[in-house]
Amino acid sequence: MAEKKIINDLDAQIGLLIDDHRRLTLLSEETAAERDELRRENRRLQERIRELEKELDCMQLSRSLQGDAPDRSKAIARVNRLMREVDRCIALLYRPDRIEGDSGEE
């Protein structure tokens, strides 16, 4: 009889372990899905932050160019820096070694 009781106790404990495993597996899947959703939301919000920062930069530049803003000289320097960068890009576009079809063969 003692052996039967031990077997019944083990069977009950195994049943509890199986139930716990199923419950924890489901919880793990739900948590993983929630994590994935939060990651997507985080990426979306990070992108929105970048967009807003760009917009803020443009607004600050615009405001500083409008008149007597204290950082007008910074804005002018930034515009000049951007213009130099554009000039460098244009110069790269017209480099002789970049012209298509110029393979050096005639």
C-alpha atoms as a PDB file:
ATOM      1  CA  MET A   1       0.000   0.000   0.000  1.00  0.00           C
ATOM      2  CA  ALA A   2       2.825   2.415   0.761  1.00  0.00           C
ATOM      3  CA  GLU A   3       4.153   1.923  -2.765  1.00  0.00           C
ATOM      4  CA  LYS A   4       0.764   2.782  -4.250  1.00  0.00           C
ATOM      5  CA  LYS A   5       0.637   5.985  -2.161  1.00  0.00           C
ATOM      6  CA  ILE A   6       4.106   6.963  -3.329  1.00  0.00           C
ATOM      7  CA  ILE A   7       3.104   6.353  -6.939  1.00  0.00           C
ATOM      8  CA  ASN A   8      -0.095   8.418  -6.476  1.00  0.00           C
ATOM      9  CA  ASP A   9       1.887  11.252  -4.857  1.00  0.00           C
ATOM     10  CA  LEU A  10       4.422  11.201  -7.688  1.00  0.00           C
ATOM     11  CA  ASP A  11       1.600  11.157 -10.228  1.00  0.00           C
ATOM     12  CA  ALA A  12      -0.026  14.175  -8.557  1.00  0.00           C
ATOM     13  CA  GLN A  13       3.287  16.055  -8.432  1.00  0.00           C
ATOM     14  CA  ILE A  14       4.003  15.250 -12.080  1.00  0.00           C
ATOM     15  CA  GLY A  15       0.523  16.520 -12.972  1.00  0.00           C
ATOM     16  CA  LEU A  16       1.217  19.754 -11.111  1.00  0.00           C
ATOM     17  CA  LEU A  17       4.561  20.117 -12.861  1.00  0.00           C
ATOM     18  CA  ILE A  18       2.947  19.574 -16.263  1.00  0.00           C
ATOM     19  CA  ASP A  19       0.271  22.160 -15.470  1.00  0.00           C
ATOM     20  CA  ASP A  20       2.928  24.608 -14.257  1.00  0.00           C
ATOM     21  CA  HIS A  21       4.958  24.000 -17.402  1.00  0.00           C
ATOM     22  CA  ARG A  22       1.954  24.680 -19.655  1.00  0.00           C
ATOM     23  CA  ARG A  23       1.055  27.819 -17.716  1.00  0.00           C
ATOM     24  CA  LEU A  24       4.630  29.112 -17.755  1.00  0.00           C
ATOM     25  CA  THR A  25       5.035  28.324 -21.462  1.00  0.00           C
ATOM     26  CA  LEU A  26       1.904  30.320 -22.236  1.00  0.00           C
ATOM     27  CA  LEU A  27       3.087  33.154 -20.011  1.00  0.00           C
ATOM     28  CA  SER A  28       6.475  33.091 -21.742  1.00  0.00           C
ATOM     29  CA  GLU A  29       4.833  33.323 -25.173  1.00  0.00           C
ATOM     30  CA  GLU A  30       2.634  36.220 -24.037  1.00  0.00           C
ATOM     31  CA  THR A  31       5.625  38.008 -22.536  1.00  0.00           C
ATOM     32  CA  ALA A  32       7.650  37.512 -25.723  1.00  0.00           C
ATOM     33  CA  ALA A  33       4.802  38.922 -27.813  1.00  0.00           C
ATOM     34  CA  GLU A  34       4.509  41.903 -25.481  1.00  0.00           C
ATOM     35  CA  ARG A  35       8.286  42.423 -25.649  1.00  0.00           C
ATOM     36  CA  ASP A  36       8.200  42.380 -29.446  1.00  0.00           C
ATOM     37  CA  GLU A  37       5.350  44.894 -29.488  1.00  0.00           C
ATOM     38  CA  LEU A  38       7.240  47.165 -27.078  1.00  0.00           C
ATOM     39  CA  ARG A  39      10.339  46.957 -29.252  1.00  0.00           C
ATOM     40  CA  ARG A  40       8.312  47.978 -32.311  1.00  0.00           C
ATOM     41  CA  GLU A  41       6.800  50.864 -30.355  1.00  0.00           C
ATOM     42  CA  ASN A  42      10.261  51.875 -29.131  1.00  0.00           C
ATOM     43  CA  ARG A  43      11.619  51.944 -32.710  1.00  0.00           C
ATOM     44  CA  ARG A  44       8.631  53.992 -33.848  1.00  0.00           C
ATOM     45  CA  LEU A  45       9.088  56.474 -31.018  1.00  0.00           C
ATOM     46  CA  GLN A  46      12.849  56.727 -31.609  1.00  0.00           C
ATOM     47  CA  GLU A  47      12.169  57.542 -35.265  1.00  0.00           C
ATOM     48  CA  ARG A  48       9.604  60.150 -34.215  1.00  0.00           C
ATOM     49  CA  ILE A  49      12.179  61.694 -31.870  1.00  0.00           C
ATOM     50  CA  ARG A  50      14.680  61.928 -34.745  1.00  0.00           C
ATOM     51  CA  GLU A  51      12.053  63.580 -36.951  1.00  0.00           C
ATOM     52  CA  LEU A  52      11.145  66.065 -34.224  1.00  0.00           C
ATOM     53  CA  GLU A  53      14.808  66.865 -33.567  1.00  0.00           C
ATOM     54  CA  LYS A  54      15.302  67.620 -37.276  1.00  0.00           C
ATOM     55  CA  GLU A  55      12.195  69.784 -37.257  1.00  0.00           C
ATOM     56  CA  LEU A  56      13.418  71.596 -34.148  1.00  0.00           C
ATOM     57  CA  ASP A  57      16.808  72.221 -35.758  1.00  0.00           C
ATOM     58  CA  CYS A  58      15.118  73.694 -38.824  1.00  0.00           C
ATOM     59  CA  MET A  59      12.861  75.870 -36.700  1.00  0.00           C
ATOM     60  CA  GLN A  60      15.767  77.115 -34.597  1.00  0.00           C
ATOM     61  CA  LEU A  61      17.777  77.890 -37.718  1.00  0.00           C
ATOM     62  CA  SER A  62      14.826  79.682 -39.254  1.00  0.00           C
ATOM     63  CA  ARG A  63      14.181  81.673 -36.098  1.00  0.00           C
ATOM     64  CA  SER A  64      17.802  82.639 -35.700  1.00  0.00           C
ATOM     65  CA  LEU A  65      17.995  83.853 -39.303  1.00  0.00           C
ATOM     66  CA  GLN A  66      14.890  86.011 -38.935  1.00  0.00           C
ATOM     67  CA  GLY A  67      16.321  88.844 -36.980  1.00  0.00           C
ATOM     68  CA  ASP A  68      18.078  89.805 -33.798  1.00  0.00           C
ATOM     69  CA  ALA A  69      18.333  86.323 -32.354  1.00  0.00           C
ATOM     70  CA  PRO A  70      21.338  85.962 -30.046  1.00  0.00           C
ATOM     71  CA  ASP A  71      22.587  82.918 -31.922  1.00  0.00           C
ATOM     72  CA  ARG A  72      22.343  84.451 -35.388  1.00  0.00           C
ATOM     73  CA  SER A  73      26.067  84.077 -35.949  1.00  0.00           C
ATOM     74  CA  LYS A  74      25.795  80.353 -35.151  1.00  0.00           C
ATOM     75  CA  ALA A  75      22.988  80.024 -37.679  1.00  0.00           C
ATOM     76  CA  ILE A  76      24.971  81.830 -40.354  1.00  0.00           C
ATOM     77  CA  ALA A  77      27.997  79.621 -39.629  1.00  0.00           C
ATOM     78  CA  ARG A  78      25.806  76.541 -39.922  1.00  0.00           C
ATOM     79  CA  VAL A  79      24.359  77.689 -43.243  1.00  0.00           C
ATOM     80  CA  ASN A  80      27.870  78.381 -44.520  1.00  0.00           C
ATOM     81  CA  ARG A  81      29.005  74.934 -43.364  1.00  0.00           C
ATOM     82  CA  LEU A  82      26.051  73.315 -45.141  1.00  0.00           C
ATOM     83  CA  MET A  83      26.784  75.291 -48.301  1.00  0.00           C
ATOM     84  CA  ARG A  84      30.426  74.142 -48.259  1.00  0.00           C
ATOM     85  CA  GLU A  85      29.238  70.560 -47.868  1.00  0.00           C
ATOM     86  CA  VAL A  86      26.900  70.942 -50.848  1.00  0.00           C
ATOM     87  CA  ASP A  87      29.741  72.457 -52.878  1.00  0.00           C
ATOM     88  CA  ARG A  88      31.974  69.473 -52.003  1.00  0.00           C
ATOM     89  CA  CYS A  89      29.224  67.076 -53.092  1.00  0.00           C
ATOM     90  CA  ILE A  90      28.788  68.902 -56.400  1.00  0.00           C
ATOM     91  CA  ALA A  91      32.547  68.854 -56.951  1.00  0.00           C
ATOM     92  CA  LEU A  92      32.567  65.087 -56.355  1.00  0.00           C
ATOM     93  CA  LEU A  93      29.816  64.646 -58.927  1.00  0.00           C
ATOM     94  CA  TYR A  94      31.912  66.355 -61.594  1.00  0.00           C
ATOM     95  CA  ARG A  95      35.248  64.684 -60.875  1.00  0.00           C
ATOM     96  CA  PRO A  96      36.823  63.479 -64.147  1.00  0.00           C
ATOM     97  CA  ASP A  97      37.516  59.991 -62.793  1.00  0.00           C
ATOM     98  CA  ARG A  98      33.811  59.643 -62.035  1.00  0.00           C
ATOM     99  CA  ILE A  99      32.532  60.222 -65.574  1.00  0.00           C
ATOM    100  CA  GLU A 100      30.817  57.088 -66.873  1.00  0.00           C
ATOM    101  CA  GLY A 101      32.060  55.571 -70.094  1.00  0.00           C
ATOM    102  CA  ASP A 102      35.563  56.937 -69.555  1.00  0.00           C
ATOM    103  CA  SER A 103      37.490  53.700 -69.335  1.00  0.00           C
ATOM    104  CA  GLY A 104      40.694  55.137 -70.721  1.00  0.00           C
ATOM    105  CA  GLU A 105      40.398  53.039 -73.918  1.00  0.00           C
ATOM    106  CA  GLU A 106      40.073  54.626 -77.333  1.00  0.00           C
END
